[in-house]
N, C-alpha and C. Protein backbone atom coordinates (compact mmCIF):
# COMPACT_ATOMS: atom_id res chain seq x y z
N UNK A 1 -12.83 1.63 -7.42
CA UNK A 1 -12.18 2.76 -6.79
C UNK A 1 -11.12 2.25 -5.82
N UNK A 2 -9.97 2.90 -5.88
CA UNK A 2 -8.87 2.58 -4.96
C UNK A 2 -8.76 3.71 -3.95
N UNK A 3 -8.70 3.35 -2.69
CA UNK A 3 -8.50 4.31 -1.61
C UNK A 3 -7.25 3.94 -0.84
N UNK A 4 -6.77 4.88 -0.03
CA UNK A 4 -5.60 4.67 0.81
C UNK A 4 -5.97 5.12 2.22
N UNK A 5 -5.55 4.30 3.23
CA UNK A 5 -5.92 4.60 4.61
C UNK A 5 -4.92 3.95 5.56
N UNK A 6 -4.66 4.62 6.67
CA UNK A 6 -3.81 4.00 7.69
C UNK A 6 -4.54 2.81 8.30
N UNK A 7 -3.83 1.75 8.52
CA UNK A 7 -4.43 0.55 9.09
C UNK A 7 -4.88 0.79 10.53
N UNK A 8 -4.30 1.79 11.20
CA UNK A 8 -4.66 2.09 12.57
C UNK A 8 -5.96 2.88 12.66
N UNK A 9 -6.41 3.47 11.55
CA UNK A 9 -7.69 4.17 11.54
C UNK A 9 -8.82 3.15 11.53
N UNK A 10 -9.91 3.49 12.18
CA UNK A 10 -11.03 2.55 12.28
C UNK A 10 -11.57 2.17 10.91
N UNK A 11 -11.85 0.88 10.71
CA UNK A 11 -12.45 0.45 9.45
C UNK A 11 -13.83 1.09 9.29
N UNK A 12 -14.24 1.29 8.05
CA UNK A 12 -15.57 1.82 7.79
C UNK A 12 -16.22 1.01 6.68
N UNK A 13 -17.54 1.15 6.56
CA UNK A 13 -18.27 0.41 5.54
C UNK A 13 -17.79 0.76 4.13
N UNK A 14 -17.33 1.99 3.93
CA UNK A 14 -16.89 2.43 2.62
C UNK A 14 -15.53 1.89 2.20
N UNK A 15 -14.84 1.18 3.10
CA UNK A 15 -13.51 0.66 2.78
C UNK A 15 -13.54 -0.45 1.73
N UNK A 16 -14.61 -1.17 1.66
CA UNK A 16 -14.65 -2.30 0.74
C UNK A 16 -13.64 -3.35 1.16
N UNK A 17 -12.86 -3.84 0.22
CA UNK A 17 -11.82 -4.84 0.51
C UNK A 17 -10.58 -4.12 1.02
N UNK A 18 -10.21 -4.44 2.26
CA UNK A 18 -9.03 -3.82 2.87
C UNK A 18 -7.82 -4.72 2.61
N UNK A 19 -6.81 -4.14 1.94
CA UNK A 19 -5.61 -4.88 1.57
C UNK A 19 -4.41 -4.24 2.24
N UNK A 20 -3.76 -4.99 3.12
CA UNK A 20 -2.53 -4.53 3.77
C UNK A 20 -1.40 -4.65 2.76
N UNK A 21 -0.70 -3.53 2.51
CA UNK A 21 0.34 -3.51 1.48
C UNK A 21 1.72 -3.25 2.09
N UNK A 22 1.91 -3.64 3.33
CA UNK A 22 3.20 -3.53 4.02
C UNK A 22 3.82 -4.91 4.14
N UNK A 23 5.13 -4.95 4.15
CA UNK A 23 5.86 -6.22 4.29
C UNK A 23 5.77 -6.76 5.72
N UNK A 24 5.69 -5.85 6.70
CA UNK A 24 5.63 -6.25 8.10
C UNK A 24 4.24 -6.00 8.66
N UNK A 25 3.81 -6.87 9.57
CA UNK A 25 2.50 -6.68 10.21
C UNK A 25 2.58 -5.44 11.11
N UNK A 26 1.54 -4.62 11.12
CA UNK A 26 1.55 -3.39 11.93
C UNK A 26 1.72 -3.67 13.42
N UNK A 27 2.65 -2.96 14.01
CA UNK A 27 2.99 -3.13 15.42
C UNK A 27 1.78 -2.87 16.32
N UNK A 28 1.54 -3.82 17.24
CA UNK A 28 0.52 -3.65 18.27
C UNK A 28 -0.91 -3.78 17.79
N UNK A 29 -1.13 -4.28 16.60
CA UNK A 29 -2.47 -4.36 16.03
C UNK A 29 -2.89 -5.82 15.87
N UNK A 30 -4.05 -6.16 16.43
CA UNK A 30 -4.56 -7.52 16.26
C UNK A 30 -5.18 -7.67 14.88
N UNK A 31 -5.32 -8.90 14.45
CA UNK A 31 -5.95 -9.16 13.14
C UNK A 31 -7.39 -8.68 13.12
N UNK A 32 -8.10 -8.85 14.23
CA UNK A 32 -9.49 -8.39 14.28
C UNK A 32 -9.57 -6.88 14.14
N UNK A 33 -8.72 -6.17 14.85
CA UNK A 33 -8.76 -4.70 14.82
C UNK A 33 -8.30 -4.16 13.46
N UNK A 34 -7.39 -4.85 12.81
CA UNK A 34 -6.90 -4.42 11.50
C UNK A 34 -7.98 -4.59 10.42
N UNK A 35 -8.81 -5.59 10.59
CA UNK A 35 -9.92 -5.88 9.65
C UNK A 35 -9.41 -5.96 8.21
N UNK A 36 -8.29 -6.66 8.03
CA UNK A 36 -7.68 -6.81 6.71
C UNK A 36 -8.26 -8.06 6.05
N UNK A 37 -8.67 -7.90 4.79
CA UNK A 37 -9.20 -9.03 4.04
C UNK A 37 -8.10 -9.80 3.31
N UNK A 38 -7.03 -9.05 2.96
CA UNK A 38 -5.94 -9.64 2.19
C UNK A 38 -4.64 -8.94 2.57
N UNK A 39 -3.60 -9.73 2.78
CA UNK A 39 -2.28 -9.16 3.08
C UNK A 39 -1.37 -9.50 1.91
N UNK A 40 -1.04 -8.48 1.11
CA UNK A 40 -0.17 -8.67 -0.05
C UNK A 40 1.22 -8.13 0.26
N UNK A 41 1.93 -8.81 1.13
CA UNK A 41 3.25 -8.30 1.53
C UNK A 41 4.24 -8.31 0.37
N UNK A 42 4.01 -9.13 -0.64
CA UNK A 42 4.93 -9.20 -1.78
C UNK A 42 4.87 -7.93 -2.64
N UNK A 43 3.79 -7.15 -2.53
CA UNK A 43 3.67 -5.91 -3.30
C UNK A 43 4.36 -4.74 -2.60
N UNK A 44 4.75 -4.94 -1.38
CA UNK A 44 5.43 -3.89 -0.60
C UNK A 44 6.82 -3.64 -1.16
N UNK A 45 7.40 -2.49 -0.84
CA UNK A 45 8.78 -2.22 -1.26
C UNK A 45 9.74 -3.27 -0.68
N UNK A 46 10.82 -3.50 -1.38
CA UNK A 46 11.83 -4.43 -0.88
C UNK A 46 12.33 -3.94 0.49
N UNK A 47 12.84 -4.85 1.27
CA UNK A 47 13.38 -4.49 2.57
C UNK A 47 14.48 -3.45 2.42
N UNK A 48 15.35 -3.64 1.44
CA UNK A 48 16.44 -2.68 1.21
C UNK A 48 15.90 -1.27 0.95
N UNK A 49 14.90 -1.16 0.09
CA UNK A 49 14.34 0.15 -0.24
C UNK A 49 13.64 0.76 0.97
N UNK A 50 12.90 -0.05 1.69
CA UNK A 50 12.18 0.44 2.88
C UNK A 50 13.16 0.98 3.92
N UNK A 51 14.24 0.25 4.15
CA UNK A 51 15.24 0.67 5.14
C UNK A 51 15.95 1.95 4.69
N UNK A 52 16.30 2.02 3.41
CA UNK A 52 16.97 3.22 2.90
C UNK A 52 16.08 4.45 2.99
N UNK A 53 14.80 4.30 2.69
CA UNK A 53 13.86 5.43 2.73
C UNK A 53 13.65 5.90 4.16
N UNK A 54 13.38 4.98 5.04
CA UNK A 54 13.18 5.26 6.47
C UNK A 54 12.26 6.47 6.71
N UNK A 55 11.30 6.64 5.82
CA UNK A 55 10.28 7.70 5.92
C UNK A 55 10.89 9.10 6.04
N UNK A 56 12.03 9.27 5.40
CA UNK A 56 12.70 10.58 5.36
C UNK A 56 12.13 11.37 4.18
N UNK A 57 11.44 12.48 4.44
CA UNK A 57 10.85 13.26 3.34
C UNK A 57 11.86 13.67 2.27
N UNK A 58 13.11 13.86 2.65
CA UNK A 58 14.14 14.25 1.68
C UNK A 58 14.43 13.11 0.70
N UNK A 59 14.09 11.89 1.06
CA UNK A 59 14.34 10.73 0.20
C UNK A 59 13.09 10.29 -0.56
N UNK A 60 12.00 11.03 -0.43
CA UNK A 60 10.71 10.62 -0.99
C UNK A 60 10.76 10.40 -2.51
N UNK A 61 11.26 11.37 -3.26
CA UNK A 61 11.25 11.23 -4.72
C UNK A 61 12.08 10.04 -5.19
N UNK A 62 13.22 9.82 -4.55
CA UNK A 62 14.05 8.65 -4.90
C UNK A 62 13.32 7.36 -4.54
N UNK A 63 12.69 7.31 -3.37
CA UNK A 63 11.90 6.14 -2.97
C UNK A 63 10.79 5.88 -3.99
N UNK A 64 10.09 6.93 -4.32
CA UNK A 64 8.96 6.82 -5.25
C UNK A 64 9.43 6.25 -6.60
N UNK A 65 10.51 6.78 -7.13
CA UNK A 65 11.04 6.32 -8.41
C UNK A 65 11.44 4.85 -8.34
N UNK A 66 12.17 4.48 -7.29
CA UNK A 66 12.65 3.10 -7.17
C UNK A 66 11.52 2.12 -6.88
N UNK A 67 10.54 2.53 -6.08
CA UNK A 67 9.41 1.64 -5.80
C UNK A 67 8.58 1.40 -7.05
N UNK A 68 8.38 2.45 -7.84
CA UNK A 68 7.65 2.28 -9.10
C UNK A 68 8.39 1.28 -10.00
N UNK A 69 9.72 1.34 -10.02
CA UNK A 69 10.51 0.39 -10.81
C UNK A 69 10.32 -1.03 -10.28
N UNK A 70 10.28 -1.19 -8.95
CA UNK A 70 10.03 -2.51 -8.38
C UNK A 70 8.64 -3.01 -8.77
N UNK A 71 7.66 -2.13 -8.73
CA UNK A 71 6.30 -2.53 -9.06
C UNK A 71 6.16 -2.97 -10.52
N UNK A 72 6.99 -2.43 -11.39
CA UNK A 72 6.95 -2.82 -12.80
C UNK A 72 7.20 -4.31 -12.97
N UNK A 73 7.92 -4.91 -12.03
CA UNK A 73 8.19 -6.34 -12.08
C UNK A 73 7.19 -7.19 -11.30
N UNK A 74 6.11 -6.57 -10.85
CA UNK A 74 5.11 -7.29 -10.05
C UNK A 74 3.73 -7.20 -10.68
N UNK A 75 3.68 -7.39 -11.99
CA UNK A 75 2.43 -7.23 -12.73
C UNK A 75 1.33 -8.19 -12.25
N UNK A 76 1.72 -9.39 -11.82
CA UNK A 76 0.72 -10.34 -11.34
C UNK A 76 0.00 -9.80 -10.09
N UNK A 77 0.74 -9.15 -9.20
CA UNK A 77 0.14 -8.59 -7.98
C UNK A 77 -0.71 -7.36 -8.31
N UNK A 78 -0.24 -6.55 -9.25
CA UNK A 78 -1.03 -5.40 -9.68
C UNK A 78 -2.33 -5.86 -10.32
N UNK A 79 -2.26 -6.93 -11.10
CA UNK A 79 -3.46 -7.50 -11.73
C UNK A 79 -4.44 -7.98 -10.65
N UNK A 80 -3.93 -8.61 -9.61
CA UNK A 80 -4.79 -9.06 -8.52
C UNK A 80 -5.54 -7.89 -7.91
N UNK A 81 -4.85 -6.79 -7.68
CA UNK A 81 -5.49 -5.61 -7.09
C UNK A 81 -6.50 -5.00 -8.05
N UNK A 82 -6.19 -4.96 -9.33
CA UNK A 82 -7.15 -4.42 -10.31
C UNK A 82 -8.40 -5.30 -10.40
N UNK A 83 -8.22 -6.61 -10.29
CA UNK A 83 -9.37 -7.52 -10.31
C UNK A 83 -10.24 -7.29 -9.08
N UNK A 84 -9.61 -7.08 -7.93
CA UNK A 84 -10.38 -6.77 -6.71
C UNK A 84 -11.16 -5.47 -6.88
N UNK A 85 -10.53 -4.50 -7.54
CA UNK A 85 -11.19 -3.20 -7.77
C UNK A 85 -12.43 -3.37 -8.65
N UNK A 86 -12.38 -4.30 -9.59
CA UNK A 86 -13.53 -4.54 -10.46
C UNK A 86 -14.72 -5.08 -9.66
N UNK A 87 -14.44 -5.68 -8.50
CA UNK A 87 -15.49 -6.21 -7.63
C UNK A 87 -16.07 -5.13 -6.72
N UNK A 88 -15.35 -4.02 -6.56
CA UNK A 88 -15.80 -2.94 -5.68
C UNK A 88 -14.62 -2.16 -5.14
N UNK A 89 -14.89 -1.32 -4.17
CA UNK A 89 -13.87 -0.48 -3.58
C UNK A 89 -12.76 -1.32 -2.95
N UNK A 90 -11.52 -0.88 -3.15
CA UNK A 90 -10.35 -1.49 -2.52
C UNK A 90 -9.65 -0.39 -1.74
N UNK A 91 -9.38 -0.66 -0.46
CA UNK A 91 -8.63 0.29 0.36
C UNK A 91 -7.28 -0.32 0.68
N UNK A 92 -6.24 0.36 0.21
CA UNK A 92 -4.86 -0.06 0.49
C UNK A 92 -4.53 0.48 1.88
N UNK A 93 -4.27 -0.41 2.82
CA UNK A 93 -3.96 0.03 4.18
C UNK A 93 -2.48 -0.17 4.46
N UNK A 94 -1.94 0.76 5.25
CA UNK A 94 -0.50 0.82 5.54
C UNK A 94 -0.32 1.30 6.97
N UNK A 95 0.86 1.13 7.52
CA UNK A 95 1.13 1.48 8.92
C UNK A 95 1.88 2.80 9.09
N UNK A 96 2.51 3.31 8.06
CA UNK A 96 3.35 4.52 8.19
C UNK A 96 2.56 5.69 8.77
N UNK A 97 3.26 6.54 9.50
CA UNK A 97 2.62 7.73 10.09
C UNK A 97 2.37 8.82 9.05
N UNK A 98 3.27 8.92 8.08
CA UNK A 98 3.17 9.97 7.05
C UNK A 98 2.10 9.57 6.03
N UNK A 99 0.99 10.29 6.04
CA UNK A 99 -0.13 9.94 5.17
C UNK A 99 0.09 10.35 3.71
N UNK A 100 1.03 11.24 3.48
CA UNK A 100 1.27 11.74 2.12
C UNK A 100 2.43 11.03 1.43
N UNK A 101 3.35 10.47 2.19
CA UNK A 101 4.55 9.85 1.63
C UNK A 101 4.73 8.45 2.19
N UNK A 102 4.12 7.48 1.51
CA UNK A 102 4.25 6.09 1.92
C UNK A 102 4.02 5.20 0.70
N UNK A 103 4.32 3.93 0.83
CA UNK A 103 4.23 3.02 -0.30
C UNK A 103 2.82 2.88 -0.86
N UNK A 104 1.79 2.97 -0.02
CA UNK A 104 0.42 2.84 -0.52
C UNK A 104 0.06 3.97 -1.47
N UNK A 105 0.57 5.16 -1.22
CA UNK A 105 0.32 6.31 -2.10
C UNK A 105 0.91 6.03 -3.48
N UNK A 106 2.13 5.52 -3.52
CA UNK A 106 2.78 5.21 -4.80
C UNK A 106 2.03 4.08 -5.50
N UNK A 107 1.67 3.06 -4.76
CA UNK A 107 0.94 1.94 -5.33
C UNK A 107 -0.38 2.41 -5.94
N UNK A 108 -1.09 3.27 -5.27
CA UNK A 108 -2.34 3.82 -5.80
C UNK A 108 -2.09 4.59 -7.09
N UNK A 109 -1.02 5.39 -7.13
CA UNK A 109 -0.67 6.11 -8.36
C UNK A 109 -0.51 5.14 -9.53
N UNK A 110 0.20 4.06 -9.29
CA UNK A 110 0.44 3.07 -10.34
C UNK A 110 -0.88 2.42 -10.75
N UNK A 111 -1.69 2.04 -9.79
CA UNK A 111 -2.96 1.40 -10.11
C UNK A 111 -3.93 2.33 -10.82
N UNK A 112 -3.82 3.62 -10.52
CA UNK A 112 -4.69 4.62 -11.16
C UNK A 112 -4.21 4.99 -12.57
N UNK A 113 -3.18 4.34 -13.03
CA UNK A 113 -2.73 4.59 -14.39
C UNK A 113 -1.36 5.21 -14.50
N UNK A 114 -0.61 5.16 -13.41
CA UNK A 114 0.76 5.63 -13.47
C UNK A 114 0.94 7.12 -13.42
N UNK A 115 -0.07 7.83 -12.93
CA UNK A 115 0.04 9.29 -12.85
C UNK A 115 1.23 9.69 -12.02
N UNK A 116 1.93 10.70 -12.48
CA UNK A 116 3.08 11.24 -11.74
C UNK A 116 2.60 12.21 -10.70
């Protein structure tokens, strides 16, 4: 099972393997408090895409489309996440404030089979 959660929210037993999927380390958060087992910054959106999106809801669909295209070229990282999922729950953690429109949501869609 793949879950999505803000890295600033308290870790829970149900999180399983917590994977940080942001390119930058979350501001003001210690490694202990983040409780991240794996940091896959290479699976995050490119810096160019992240800067262009800038968490603007009006740019969400374009961000989503372009990030999915970037992920198509990162099959090795997607495979790593799927292998972790076979071991148990994986929680993709991210720093963005918007819980509905962020890279972890798109990544989960792709891992769940590419649902639109």
